[in-house]
Amino acid sequence: MARAILVIDVQKVYTGPASPLHCVGNAEAIANINAITSAAEAAGDLVVHIRHVHRADGSDAGRMFDFSGEAGELGFVAGTEEVEDDPELKIPAGAVTISKQRYSGFVGTGLDQMLRERSIDRIVVTGFMTNFCCEATARHGHDLDFFVEFLLDATGCPDLSETATQAAIKAGTAATLSAGFARVMTTAEWLAGREI
């Protein structure tokens, strides 16, 4: 099977310590992503570098910031520091970079067509946030009939509350995805069994 590694939103909004969306443990997740993309590059797999970015006027944001029916503050604005890649992220020279404006990496990006044109039938999901853009992309990829591999320790998310911690969120995401959407595994498991 031909595969693509999706590196989703490894941006400073998730890795900057002062950000309200700071993901604890992001350095470990990024180190895992770098190991994955290095192995993928050596194997000739496609790496797709996906970034979430909006126009400053919000004209491409849709329901991203008013999903509750009330207007919220526009985020991920082009040209701001928060949308910059984390400096520890290593993107292979042959990677394809795309921008998105929704949670799923497939919405409005041409990703589906690009993968089909390359006869890719398997996607490997990594990045931030576990339960938003990564999970949305995995579910969407499944519905588009891709085989999906979700590398849980190569993702991250902030706590949502005292009980909805990153660990609890990851456990819930893993349980849901593995029940009908994806093969959920660790980076070490994926690196050890990429031929599967």
Protein backbone atom coordinates (compact mmCIF):
# COMPACT_ATOMS: atom_id res chain seq x y z
CA MET A 1 0.00 0.00 0.00
CA ALA A 2 1.15 3.51 -0.76
CA ARG A 3 0.95 5.85 2.20
CA ALA A 4 1.03 9.51 3.10
CA ILE A 5 2.11 10.92 6.44
CA LEU A 6 -0.12 13.84 7.44
CA VAL A 7 1.64 16.30 9.74
CA ILE A 8 -1.22 18.45 11.01
CA ASP A 9 -0.93 21.90 12.60
CA VAL A 10 2.41 21.64 14.37
CA GLN A 11 2.15 25.37 14.98
CA LYS A 12 3.19 27.69 17.80
CA VAL A 13 -0.43 28.16 18.89
CA TYR A 14 -0.15 24.63 20.32
CA THR A 15 3.48 24.66 21.43
CA GLY A 16 4.01 28.16 22.85
CA PRO A 17 3.92 28.01 26.67
CA ALA A 18 1.86 31.20 26.93
CA SER A 19 -0.80 30.07 24.44
CA PRO A 20 -4.23 29.16 25.85
CA LEU A 21 -4.07 26.11 23.56
CA HIS A 22 -0.62 25.02 24.78
CA CYS A 23 -0.28 21.24 24.65
CA VAL A 24 1.80 19.81 27.49
CA GLY A 25 4.26 17.24 26.16
CA ASN A 26 4.36 18.76 22.68
CA ALA A 27 8.14 18.33 22.46
CA GLU A 28 7.79 14.55 22.79
CA ALA A 29 5.00 14.49 20.20
CA ILE A 30 7.11 16.55 17.78
CA ALA A 31 10.12 14.27 18.32
CA ASN A 32 7.88 11.33 17.41
CA ILE A 33 6.61 13.16 14.32
CA ASN A 34 10.20 13.85 13.24
CA ALA A 35 11.09 10.16 13.64
CA ILE A 36 8.03 9.21 11.59
CA THR A 37 8.72 11.64 8.75
CA SER A 38 12.40 10.66 8.68
CA ALA A 39 11.47 6.99 8.27
CA ALA A 40 8.80 7.89 5.74
CA GLU A 41 11.21 9.97 3.68
CA ALA A 42 13.72 7.10 3.61
CA ALA A 43 10.94 4.74 2.45
CA GLY A 44 9.71 7.08 -0.28
CA ASP A 45 6.38 7.82 1.41
CA LEU A 46 4.71 11.17 0.79
CA VAL A 47 4.77 13.65 3.68
CA VAL A 48 2.01 16.26 3.69
CA HIS A 49 2.65 19.30 5.88
CA ILE A 50 -0.73 20.80 6.79
CA ARG A 51 -1.16 24.21 8.42
CA HIS A 52 -4.31 25.92 9.72
CA VAL A 53 -4.38 29.55 8.53
CA HIS A 54 -7.17 32.14 8.04
CA ARG A 55 -7.36 35.46 6.25
CA ALA A 56 -7.25 38.43 8.60
CA ASP A 57 -10.81 39.44 7.64
CA GLY A 58 -12.16 36.00 8.57
CA SER A 59 -13.83 35.58 5.20
CA ASP A 60 -12.62 31.98 4.92
CA ALA A 61 -13.48 30.94 8.49
CA GLY A 62 -17.04 29.70 7.99
CA ARG A 63 -18.40 28.39 11.31
CA MET A 64 -14.95 27.90 12.88
CA PHE A 65 -15.37 30.75 15.35
CA ASP A 66 -19.14 31.15 15.65
CA PHE A 67 -20.18 27.50 15.88
CA SER A 68 -22.33 28.20 18.94
CA GLY A 69 -24.34 30.87 17.17
CA GLU A 70 -22.34 33.66 18.82
CA ALA A 71 -19.30 35.30 17.24
CA GLY A 72 -15.97 34.36 18.76
CA GLU A 73 -12.47 35.74 18.35
CA LEU A 74 -10.82 34.89 15.03
CA GLY A 75 -7.72 32.76 15.43
CA PHE A 76 -5.00 31.26 13.24
CA VAL A 77 -4.63 34.55 11.36
CA ALA A 78 -2.11 34.61 8.51
CA GLY A 79 1.05 36.51 9.38
CA THR A 80 0.75 36.04 13.14
CA GLU A 81 3.28 34.17 15.24
CA GLU A 82 0.73 31.58 16.37
CA VAL A 83 0.44 30.08 12.88
CA GLU A 84 4.19 29.64 12.45
CA ASP A 85 5.57 26.10 12.54
CA ASP A 86 7.20 25.04 15.78
CA PRO A 87 10.95 25.42 15.20
CA GLU A 88 11.61 21.83 16.31
CA LEU A 89 9.50 20.41 13.49
CA LYS A 90 11.58 18.91 10.68
CA ILE A 91 9.79 18.84 7.36
CA PRO A 92 11.46 16.73 4.64
CA ALA A 93 12.54 18.62 1.54
CA GLY A 94 10.13 16.63 -0.63
CA ALA A 95 7.08 17.30 1.53
CA VAL A 96 3.97 18.92 0.09
CA THR A 97 2.61 21.85 2.12
CA ILE A 98 -1.08 22.76 2.15
CA SER A 99 -3.19 25.16 4.18
CA LYS A 100 -6.61 24.43 5.60
CA GLN A 101 -9.42 26.47 7.11
CA ARG A 102 -11.45 23.69 8.76
CA TYR A 103 -10.70 20.93 11.23
CA SER A 104 -10.43 18.20 8.61
CA GLY A 105 -7.38 18.34 6.38
CA PHE A 106 -9.58 17.21 3.49
CA VAL A 107 -12.06 20.10 3.45
CA GLY A 108 -11.30 22.60 0.69
CA THR A 109 -7.63 21.62 0.32
CA GLY A 110 -7.54 19.23 -2.64
CA LEU A 111 -5.86 16.64 -0.40
CA ASP A 112 -8.15 13.81 -1.48
CA GLN A 113 -7.45 14.37 -5.17
CA MET A 114 -3.72 14.79 -4.60
CA LEU A 115 -3.54 11.45 -2.78
CA ARG A 116 -5.66 9.68 -5.42
CA GLU A 117 -3.42 11.00 -8.19
CA ARG A 118 -0.47 9.39 -6.42
CA SER A 119 -2.38 6.11 -5.87
CA ILE A 120 -2.12 6.54 -2.10
CA ASP A 121 -4.63 4.49 -0.14
CA ARG A 122 -3.29 4.82 3.43
CA ILE A 123 -2.90 7.90 5.59
CA VAL A 124 -0.93 8.23 8.81
CA VAL A 125 -2.29 10.95 11.08
CA THR A 126 -0.02 12.98 13.38
CA GLY A 127 -0.05 16.48 14.86
CA PHE A 128 -2.31 18.76 16.87
CA MET A 129 -4.94 18.66 18.26
CA THR A 130 -5.66 15.00 18.94
CA ASN A 131 -9.42 15.44 19.34
CA PHE A 132 -10.03 18.20 16.80
CA CYS A 133 -8.04 18.42 13.58
CA CYS A 134 -6.34 15.03 13.89
CA GLU A 135 -9.52 13.14 14.79
CA ALA A 136 -11.61 15.04 12.21
CA THR A 137 -9.07 14.24 9.49
CA ALA A 138 -8.91 10.58 10.50
CA ARG A 139 -12.69 10.21 10.45
CA HIS A 140 -12.97 12.07 7.15
CA GLY A 141 -10.18 9.96 5.65
CA HIS A 142 -12.02 6.80 6.67
CA ASP A 143 -15.21 8.06 5.04
CA LEU A 144 -13.22 8.71 1.85
CA ASP A 145 -12.13 5.04 1.96
CA PHE A 146 -8.52 5.52 2.99
CA PHE A 147 -6.95 3.11 5.46
CA VAL A 148 -6.14 5.27 8.48
CA GLU A 149 -3.32 4.86 10.98
CA PHE A 150 -3.53 7.20 13.98
CA LEU A 151 -0.29 7.55 15.95
CA LEU A 152 -1.57 8.62 19.33
CA ASP A 153 1.75 9.64 20.90
CA ALA A 154 2.55 11.76 17.85
CA THR A 155 -0.48 13.94 18.64
CA GLY A 156 -1.30 16.34 21.44
CA CYS A 157 -4.05 18.49 22.90
CA PRO A 158 -4.63 20.77 25.87
CA ASP A 159 -6.75 19.75 28.84
CA LEU A 160 -10.37 20.85 28.49
CA SER A 161 -11.15 20.67 32.21
CA GLU A 162 -9.93 19.05 35.42
CA THR A 163 -11.48 15.75 34.37
CA ALA A 164 -11.15 16.09 30.58
CA THR A 165 -7.36 15.94 30.70
CA GLN A 166 -5.11 15.27 27.73
CA ALA A 167 -4.74 11.66 28.87
CA ALA A 168 -8.52 11.21 29.15
CA ILE A 169 -9.12 12.89 25.79
CA LYS A 170 -6.53 10.71 24.09
CA ALA A 171 -8.04 7.59 25.65
CA GLY A 172 -11.50 8.55 24.41
CA THR A 173 -10.26 9.39 20.93
CA ALA A 174 -8.31 6.14 20.74
CA ALA A 175 -11.30 4.09 21.85
CA THR A 176 -13.63 5.69 19.33
CA LEU A 177 -11.26 5.61 16.37
CA SER A 178 -10.09 2.05 16.98
CA ALA A 179 -13.70 0.87 17.19
CA GLY A 180 -14.45 1.76 13.59
CA PHE A 181 -12.23 4.37 11.95
CA ALA A 182 -8.52 3.64 12.26
CA ARG A 183 -5.66 1.54 13.53
CA VAL A 184 -4.48 3.38 16.64
CA MET A 185 -0.89 2.73 17.66
CA THR A 186 2.23 4.26 19.11
CA THR A 187 5.11 5.67 17.12
CA ALA A 188 7.33 2.75 18.18
CA GLU A 189 4.71 0.23 17.02
CA TRP A 190 4.35 2.00 13.69
CA LEU A 191 8.10 2.23 13.12
CA ALA A 192 8.49 -1.46 13.95
CA GLY A 193 5.71 -2.64 11.65
CA ARG A 194 5.40 -0.23 8.73
CA GLU A 195 5.10 -3.06 6.23
CA ILE A 196 1.78 -4.14 7.78
